[in-house]
């Protein structure tokens, strides 16, 4: 597309919004035990580096797909 020299990688992201998991107040899953379970599992995933691994993996997938010839 001829824009590769116009695009630069920034040291800091433009945005970094948090992700939230929501449950209805009326949900049977909305219990202190279930919320503690989710909190524990998510913390373990973060500690294991899974989110960073997934970002790297799917950034590579995106780059591969972006390099494919465009079909019009």
PDB file of N, CA and C in Angstrom:
ATOM      1  N   UNK A   1       0.816  -1.187   0.000  1.00  0.00           N
ATOM      2  CA  UNK A   1       0.000   0.000   0.000  1.00  0.00           C
ATOM      3  C   UNK A   1       0.868   1.262   0.000  1.00  0.00           C
ATOM      4  N   UNK A   2       2.187   1.087   0.121  1.00  0.00           N
ATOM      5  CA  UNK A   2       3.072   2.228   0.052  1.00  0.00           C
ATOM      6  C   UNK A   2       3.100   3.091   1.297  1.00  0.00           C
ATOM      7  N   UNK A   3       2.715   2.546   2.433  1.00  0.00           N
ATOM      8  CA  UNK A   3       2.700   3.363   3.646  1.00  0.00           C
ATOM      9  C   UNK A   3       3.693   2.867   4.694  1.00  0.00           C
ATOM     10  N   UNK A   4       4.520   1.892   4.341  1.00  0.00           N
ATOM     11  CA  UNK A   4       5.415   1.292   5.333  1.00  0.00           C
ATOM     12  C   UNK A   4       6.377   2.301   5.941  1.00  0.00           C
ATOM     13  N   UNK A   5       6.762   3.340   5.212  1.00  0.00           N
ATOM     14  CA  UNK A   5       7.662   4.342   5.782  1.00  0.00           C
ATOM     15  C   UNK A   5       6.905   5.375   6.611  1.00  0.00           C
ATOM     16  N   UNK A   6       5.586   5.370   6.546  1.00  0.00           N
ATOM     17  CA  UNK A   6       4.773   6.317   7.310  1.00  0.00           C
ATOM     18  C   UNK A   6       4.336   5.763   8.666  1.00  0.00           C
ATOM     19  N   UNK A   7       4.564   4.485   8.894  1.00  0.00           N
ATOM     20  CA  UNK A   7       4.112   3.843  10.122  1.00  0.00           C
ATOM     21  C   UNK A   7       5.315   3.578  11.017  1.00  0.00           C
ATOM     22  N   UNK A   8       5.199   3.991  12.282  1.00  0.00           N
ATOM     23  CA  UNK A   8       6.273   3.738  13.237  1.00  0.00           C
ATOM     24  C   UNK A   8       5.693   3.057  14.477  1.00  0.00           C
ATOM     25  N   UNK A   9       6.525   2.312  15.167  1.00  0.00           N
ATOM     26  CA  UNK A   9       6.131   1.653  16.402  1.00  0.00           C
ATOM     27  C   UNK A   9       6.418   2.603  17.567  1.00  0.00           C
ATOM     28  N   UNK A  10       5.447   2.804  18.421  1.00  0.00           N
ATOM     29  CA  UNK A  10       5.607   3.685  19.569  1.00  0.00           C
ATOM     30  C   UNK A  10       6.104   2.891  20.777  1.00  0.00           C
ATOM     31  N   UNK A  11       6.897   3.546  21.612  1.00  0.00           N
ATOM     32  CA  UNK A  11       7.369   2.899  22.842  1.00  0.00           C
ATOM     33  C   UNK A  11       6.217   2.646  23.807  1.00  0.00           C
ATOM     34  N   UNK A  12       5.296   3.592  23.879  1.00  0.00           N
ATOM     35  CA  UNK A  12       4.139   3.456  24.760  1.00  0.00           C
ATOM     36  C   UNK A  12       2.894   3.277  23.896  1.00  0.00           C
ATOM     37  N   UNK A  13       1.990   2.412  24.315  1.00  0.00           N
ATOM     38  CA  UNK A  13       0.769   2.226  23.522  1.00  0.00           C
ATOM     39  C   UNK A  13      -0.098   3.481  23.543  1.00  0.00           C
ATOM     40  N   UNK A  14      -0.870   3.657  22.487  1.00  0.00           N
ATOM     41  CA  UNK A  14      -1.785   4.786  22.412  1.00  0.00           C
ATOM     42  C   UNK A  14      -2.893   4.619  23.452  1.00  0.00           C
ATOM     43  N   UNK A  15      -3.329   3.398  23.654  1.00  0.00           N
ATOM     44  CA  UNK A  15      -4.372   3.111  24.633  1.00  0.00           C
ATOM     45  C   UNK A  15      -4.071   1.825  25.367  1.00  0.00           C
ATOM     46  N   UNK A  16      -4.511   1.748  26.600  1.00  0.00           N
ATOM     47  CA  UNK A  16      -4.325   0.508  27.366  1.00  0.00           C
ATOM     48  C   UNK A  16      -5.492   0.355  28.346  1.00  0.00           C
ATOM     49  N   UNK A  17      -6.626   0.051  27.778  1.00  0.00           N
ATOM     50  CA  UNK A  17      -7.821  -0.102  28.585  1.00  0.00           C
ATOM     51  C   UNK A  17      -7.807  -1.442  29.305  1.00  0.00           C
ATOM     52  N   UNK A  18      -8.382  -1.452  30.476  1.00  0.00           N
ATOM     53  CA  UNK A  18      -8.505  -2.699  31.211  1.00  0.00           C
ATOM     54  C   UNK A  18      -9.607  -3.558  30.616  1.00  0.00           C
ATOM     55  N   UNK A  19      -9.503  -4.840  30.838  1.00  0.00           N
ATOM     56  CA  UNK A  19     -10.552  -5.751  30.399  1.00  0.00           C
ATOM     57  C   UNK A  19     -11.342  -6.174  31.636  1.00  0.00           C
ATOM     58  N   UNK A  20     -12.636  -6.276  31.470  1.00  0.00           N
ATOM     59  CA  UNK A  20     -13.488  -6.592  32.603  1.00  0.00           C
ATOM     60  C   UNK A  20     -14.379  -7.777  32.270  1.00  0.00           C
ATOM     61  N   UNK A  21     -14.612  -8.591  33.264  1.00  0.00           N
ATOM     62  CA  UNK A  21     -15.516  -9.726  33.160  1.00  0.00           C
ATOM     63  C   UNK A  21     -16.731  -9.368  33.996  1.00  0.00           C
ATOM     64  N   UNK A  22     -17.893  -9.409  33.409  1.00  0.00           N
ATOM     65  CA  UNK A  22     -19.083  -8.999  34.144  1.00  0.00           C
ATOM     66  C   UNK A  22     -20.060 -10.166  34.316  1.00  0.00           C
ATOM     67  N   UNK A  23     -20.763 -10.104  35.408  1.00  0.00           N
ATOM     68  CA  UNK A  23     -21.809 -11.072  35.710  1.00  0.00           C
ATOM     69  C   UNK A  23     -23.057 -10.317  36.135  1.00  0.00           C
ATOM     70  N   UNK A  24     -24.194 -10.808  35.745  1.00  0.00           N
ATOM     71  CA  UNK A  24     -25.445 -10.220  36.188  1.00  0.00           C
ATOM     72  C   UNK A  24     -25.576 -10.400  37.698  1.00  0.00           C
ATOM     73  N   UNK A  25     -26.116  -9.405  38.356  1.00  0.00           N
ATOM     74  CA  UNK A  25     -26.347  -9.534  39.798  1.00  0.00           C
ATOM     75  C   UNK A  25     -27.296 -10.693  40.097  1.00  0.00           C
ATOM     76  N   UNK A  26     -28.169 -11.016  39.141  1.00  0.00           N
ATOM     77  CA  UNK A  26     -29.135 -12.097  39.330  1.00  0.00           C
ATOM     78  C   UNK A  26     -28.569 -13.472  38.954  1.00  0.00           C
ATOM     79  N   UNK A  27     -27.336 -13.514  38.408  1.00  0.00           N
ATOM     80  CA  UNK A  27     -26.762 -14.776  37.957  1.00  0.00           C
ATOM     81  C   UNK A  27     -26.410 -15.683  39.132  1.00  0.00           C
ATOM     82  N   UNK A  28     -26.663 -16.981  38.938  1.00  0.00           N
ATOM     83  CA  UNK A  28     -26.267 -17.959  39.957  1.00  0.00           C
ATOM     84  C   UNK A  28     -24.745 -18.052  40.063  1.00  0.00           C
ATOM     85  N   UNK A  29     -24.046 -17.608  39.010  1.00  0.00           N
ATOM     86  CA  UNK A  29     -22.576 -17.625  39.017  1.00  0.00           C
ATOM     87  C   UNK A  29     -21.993 -16.464  39.811  1.00  0.00           C
ATOM     88  N   UNK A  30     -22.816 -15.492  40.151  1.00  0.00           N
ATOM     89  CA  UNK A  30     -22.325 -14.315  40.853  1.00  0.00           C
ATOM     90  C   UNK A  30     -22.251 -14.597  42.353  1.00  0.00           C
ATOM     91  N   UNK A  31     -21.276 -15.408  42.708  1.00  0.00           N
ATOM     92  CA  UNK A  31     -21.078 -15.743  44.121  1.00  0.00           C
ATOM     93  C   UNK A  31     -19.647 -15.403  44.505  1.00  0.00           C
ATOM     94  N   UNK A  32     -19.408 -15.152  45.771  1.00  0.00           N
ATOM     95  CA  UNK A  32     -18.033 -14.867  46.197  1.00  0.00           C
ATOM     96  C   UNK A  32     -17.065 -16.008  45.850  1.00  0.00           C
ATOM     97  N   UNK A  33     -17.542 -17.235  45.944  1.00  0.00           N
ATOM     98  CA  UNK A  33     -16.675 -18.383  45.640  1.00  0.00           C
ATOM     99  C   UNK A  33     -16.277 -18.400  44.162  1.00  0.00           C
ATOM    100  N   UNK A  34     -17.236 -18.170  43.278  1.00  0.00           N
ATOM    101  CA  UNK A  34     -16.939 -18.190  41.849  1.00  0.00           C
ATOM    102  C   UNK A  34     -16.029 -17.026  41.470  1.00  0.00           C
ATOM    103  N   UNK A  35     -16.294 -15.849  42.031  1.00  0.00           N
ATOM    104  CA  UNK A  35     -15.449 -14.694  41.737  1.00  0.00           C
ATOM    105  C   UNK A  35     -14.022 -14.926  42.246  1.00  0.00           C
ATOM    106  N   UNK A  36     -13.874 -15.556  43.394  1.00  0.00           N
ATOM    107  CA  UNK A  36     -12.533 -15.876  43.908  1.00  0.00           C
ATOM    108  C   UNK A  36     -11.845 -16.897  43.006  1.00  0.00           C
ATOM    109  N   UNK A  37     -12.604 -17.878  42.512  1.00  0.00           N
ATOM    110  CA  UNK A  37     -12.069 -18.880  41.589  1.00  0.00           C
ATOM    111  C   UNK A  37     -11.544 -18.202  40.325  1.00  0.00           C
ATOM    112  N   UNK A  38     -12.354 -17.321  39.711  1.00  0.00           N
ATOM    113  CA  UNK A  38     -11.930 -16.608  38.509  1.00  0.00           C
ATOM    114  C   UNK A  38     -10.691 -15.763  38.778  1.00  0.00           C
ATOM    115  N   UNK A  39     -10.702 -15.049  39.883  1.00  0.00           N
ATOM    116  CA  UNK A  39      -9.562 -14.202  40.243  1.00  0.00           C
ATOM    117  C   UNK A  39      -8.286 -15.026  40.344  1.00  0.00           C
ATOM    118  N   UNK A  40      -8.371 -16.181  40.982  1.00  0.00           N
ATOM    119  CA  UNK A  40      -7.215 -17.067  41.141  1.00  0.00           C
ATOM    120  C   UNK A  40      -6.712 -17.566  39.785  1.00  0.00           C
ATOM    121  N   UNK A  41      -7.622 -18.029  38.937  1.00  0.00           N
ATOM    122  CA  UNK A  41      -7.230 -18.565  37.625  1.00  0.00           C
ATOM    123  C   UNK A  41      -6.598 -17.484  36.750  1.00  0.00           C
ATOM    124  N   UNK A  42      -7.197 -16.297  36.748  1.00  0.00           N
ATOM    125  CA  UNK A  42      -6.650 -15.210  35.936  1.00  0.00           C
ATOM    126  C   UNK A  42      -5.277 -14.805  36.453  1.00  0.00           C
ATOM    127  N   UNK A  43      -5.112 -14.713  37.760  1.00  0.00           N
ATOM    128  CA  UNK A  43      -3.809 -14.354  38.335  1.00  0.00           C
ATOM    129  C   UNK A  43      -2.746 -15.384  37.962  1.00  0.00           C
ATOM    130  N   UNK A  44      -3.106 -16.664  38.006  1.00  0.00           N
ATOM    131  CA  UNK A  44      -2.151 -17.713  37.633  1.00  0.00           C
ATOM    132  C   UNK A  44      -1.761 -17.611  36.156  1.00  0.00           C
ATOM    133  N   UNK A  45      -2.730 -17.293  35.290  1.00  0.00           N
ATOM    134  CA  UNK A  45      -2.429 -17.136  33.866  1.00  0.00           C
ATOM    135  C   UNK A  45      -1.478 -15.960  33.643  1.00  0.00           C
ATOM    136  N   UNK A  46      -1.735 -14.855  34.326  1.00  0.00           N
ATOM    137  CA  UNK A  46      -0.871 -13.675  34.190  1.00  0.00           C
ATOM    138  C   UNK A  46       0.531 -14.003  34.702  1.00  0.00           C
ATOM    139  N   UNK A  47       0.612 -14.646  35.854  1.00  0.00           N
ATOM    140  CA  UNK A  47       1.918 -15.019  36.423  1.00  0.00           C
ATOM    141  C   UNK A  47       2.697 -15.955  35.504  1.00  0.00           C
ATOM    142  N   UNK A  48       1.991 -16.801  34.759  1.00  0.00           N
ATOM    143  CA  UNK A  48       2.636 -17.751  33.842  1.00  0.00           C
ATOM    144  C   UNK A  48       3.019 -17.104  32.507  1.00  0.00           C
ATOM    145  N   UNK A  49       2.636 -15.832  32.316  1.00  0.00           N
ATOM    146  CA  UNK A  49       3.001 -15.143  31.083  1.00  0.00           C
ATOM    147  C   UNK A  49       2.113 -15.474  29.895  1.00  0.00           C
ATOM    148  N   UNK A  50       0.970 -16.062  30.146  1.00  0.00           N
ATOM    149  CA  UNK A  50       0.093 -16.466  29.044  1.00  0.00           C
ATOM    150  C   UNK A  50      -0.397 -15.275  28.218  1.00  0.00           C
ATOM    151  N   UNK A  51      -0.837 -14.173  28.829  1.00  0.00           N
ATOM    152  CA  UNK A  51      -1.282 -13.052  27.983  1.00  0.00           C
ATOM    153  C   UNK A  51      -0.181 -12.538  27.045  1.00  0.00           C
ATOM    154  N   UNK A  52       1.042 -12.410  27.551  1.00  0.00           N
ATOM    155  CA  UNK A  52       2.144 -11.943  26.703  1.00  0.00           C
ATOM    156  C   UNK A  52       2.418 -12.926  25.575  1.00  0.00           C
ATOM    157  N   UNK A  53       2.359 -14.215  25.878  1.00  0.00           N
ATOM    158  CA  UNK A  53       2.559 -15.247  24.859  1.00  0.00           C
ATOM    159  C   UNK A  53       1.500 -15.135  23.768  1.00  0.00           C
ATOM    160  N   UNK A  54       0.248 -14.943  24.171  1.00  0.00           N
ATOM    161  CA  UNK A  54      -0.833 -14.846  23.194  1.00  0.00           C
ATOM    162  C   UNK A  54      -0.701 -13.597  22.328  1.00  0.00           C
ATOM    163  N   UNK A  55      -0.270 -12.491  22.923  1.00  0.00           N
ATOM    164  CA  UNK A  55      -0.060 -11.277  22.131  1.00  0.00           C
ATOM    165  C   UNK A  55       1.005 -11.518  21.075  1.00  0.00           C
ATOM    166  N   UNK A  56       2.115 -12.137  21.462  1.00  0.00           N
ATOM    167  CA  UNK A  56       3.189 -12.427  20.498  1.00  0.00           C
ATOM    168  C   UNK A  56       2.700 -13.377  19.408  1.00  0.00           C
ATOM    169  N   UNK A  57       1.994 -14.427  19.823  1.00  0.00           N
ATOM    170  CA  UNK A  57       1.520 -15.426  18.871  1.00  0.00           C
ATOM    171  C   UNK A  57       0.582 -14.802  17.834  1.00  0.00           C
ATOM    172  N   UNK A  58      -0.401 -14.064  18.294  1.00  0.00           N
ATOM    173  CA  UNK A  58      -1.394 -13.543  17.362  1.00  0.00           C
ATOM    174  C   UNK A  58      -0.927 -12.287  16.633  1.00  0.00           C
ATOM    175  N   UNK A  59       0.104 -11.628  17.143  1.00  0.00           N
ATOM    176  CA  UNK A  59       0.740 -10.560  16.372  1.00  0.00           C
ATOM    177  C   UNK A  59       1.450 -11.183  15.175  1.00  0.00           C
ATOM    178  N   UNK A  60       2.093 -12.320  15.386  1.00  0.00           N
ATOM    179  CA  UNK A  60       2.754 -13.029  14.285  1.00  0.00           C
ATOM    180  C   UNK A  60       1.730 -13.502  13.253  1.00  0.00           C
ATOM    181  N   UNK A  61       0.594 -14.004  13.710  1.00  0.00           N
ATOM    182  CA  UNK A  61      -0.463 -14.433  12.787  1.00  0.00           C
ATOM    183  C   UNK A  61      -0.944 -13.242  11.968  1.00  0.00           C
ATOM    184  N   UNK A  62      -1.158 -12.108  12.636  1.00  0.00           N
ATOM    185  CA  UNK A  62      -1.612 -10.903  11.935  1.00  0.00           C
ATOM    186  C   UNK A  62      -0.592 -10.466  10.889  1.00  0.00           C
ATOM    187  N   UNK A  63       0.706 -10.486  11.261  1.00  0.00           N
ATOM    188  CA  UNK A  63       1.744 -10.081  10.319  1.00  0.00           C
ATOM    189  C   UNK A  63       1.767 -11.008   9.099  1.00  0.00           C
ATOM    190  N   UNK A  64       1.599 -12.307   9.317  1.00  0.00           N
ATOM    191  CA  UNK A  64       1.565 -13.251   8.209  1.00  0.00           C
ATOM    192  C   UNK A  64       0.376 -12.956   7.295  1.00  0.00           C
ATOM    193  N   UNK A  65      -0.760 -12.709   7.876  1.00  0.00           N
ATOM    194  CA  UNK A  65      -1.947 -12.433   7.077  1.00  0.00           C
ATOM    195  C   UNK A  65      -1.825 -11.094   6.346  1.00  0.00           C
ATOM    196  N   UNK A  66      -1.218 -10.106   7.001  1.00  0.00           N
ATOM    197  CA  UNK A  66      -1.058  -8.783   6.386  1.00  0.00           C
ATOM    198  C   UNK A  66      -0.094  -8.850   5.206  1.00  0.00           C
ATOM    199  N   UNK A  67       0.817  -9.826   5.216  1.00  0.00           N
ATOM    200  CA  UNK A  67       1.795  -9.942   4.143  1.00  0.00           C
ATOM    201  C   UNK A  67       1.234 -10.653   2.908  1.00  0.00           C
ATOM    202  N   UNK A  68       0.070 -11.272   3.054  1.00  0.00           N
ATOM    203  CA  UNK A  68      -0.535 -11.973   1.921  1.00  0.00           C
ATOM    204  C   UNK A  68      -0.989 -10.963   0.866  1.00  0.00           C
ATOM    205  N   UNK A  69      -0.939 -11.376  -0.404  1.00  0.00           N
ATOM    206  CA  UNK A  69      -1.428 -10.477  -1.453  1.00  0.00           C
ATOM    207  C   UNK A  69      -2.917 -10.169  -1.236  1.00  0.00           C
ATOM    208  N   UNK A  70      -3.267  -8.941  -1.460  1.00  0.00           N
ATOM    209  CA  UNK A  70      -4.670  -8.537  -1.295  1.00  0.00           C
ATOM    210  C   UNK A  70      -5.487  -8.993  -2.490  1.00  0.00           C
ATOM    211  N   UNK A  71      -6.654  -9.539  -2.220  1.00  0.00           N
ATOM    212  CA  UNK A  71      -7.567  -9.955  -3.282  1.00  0.00           C
ATOM    213  C   UNK A  71      -8.630  -8.878  -3.461  1.00  0.00           C
ATOM    214  N   UNK A  72      -8.814  -8.481  -4.679  1.00  0.00           N
ATOM    215  CA  UNK A  72      -9.826  -7.421  -4.920  1.00  0.00           C
ATOM    216  C   UNK A  72     -10.943  -7.920  -5.757  1.00  0.00           C
TER     217      UNK A  72
END
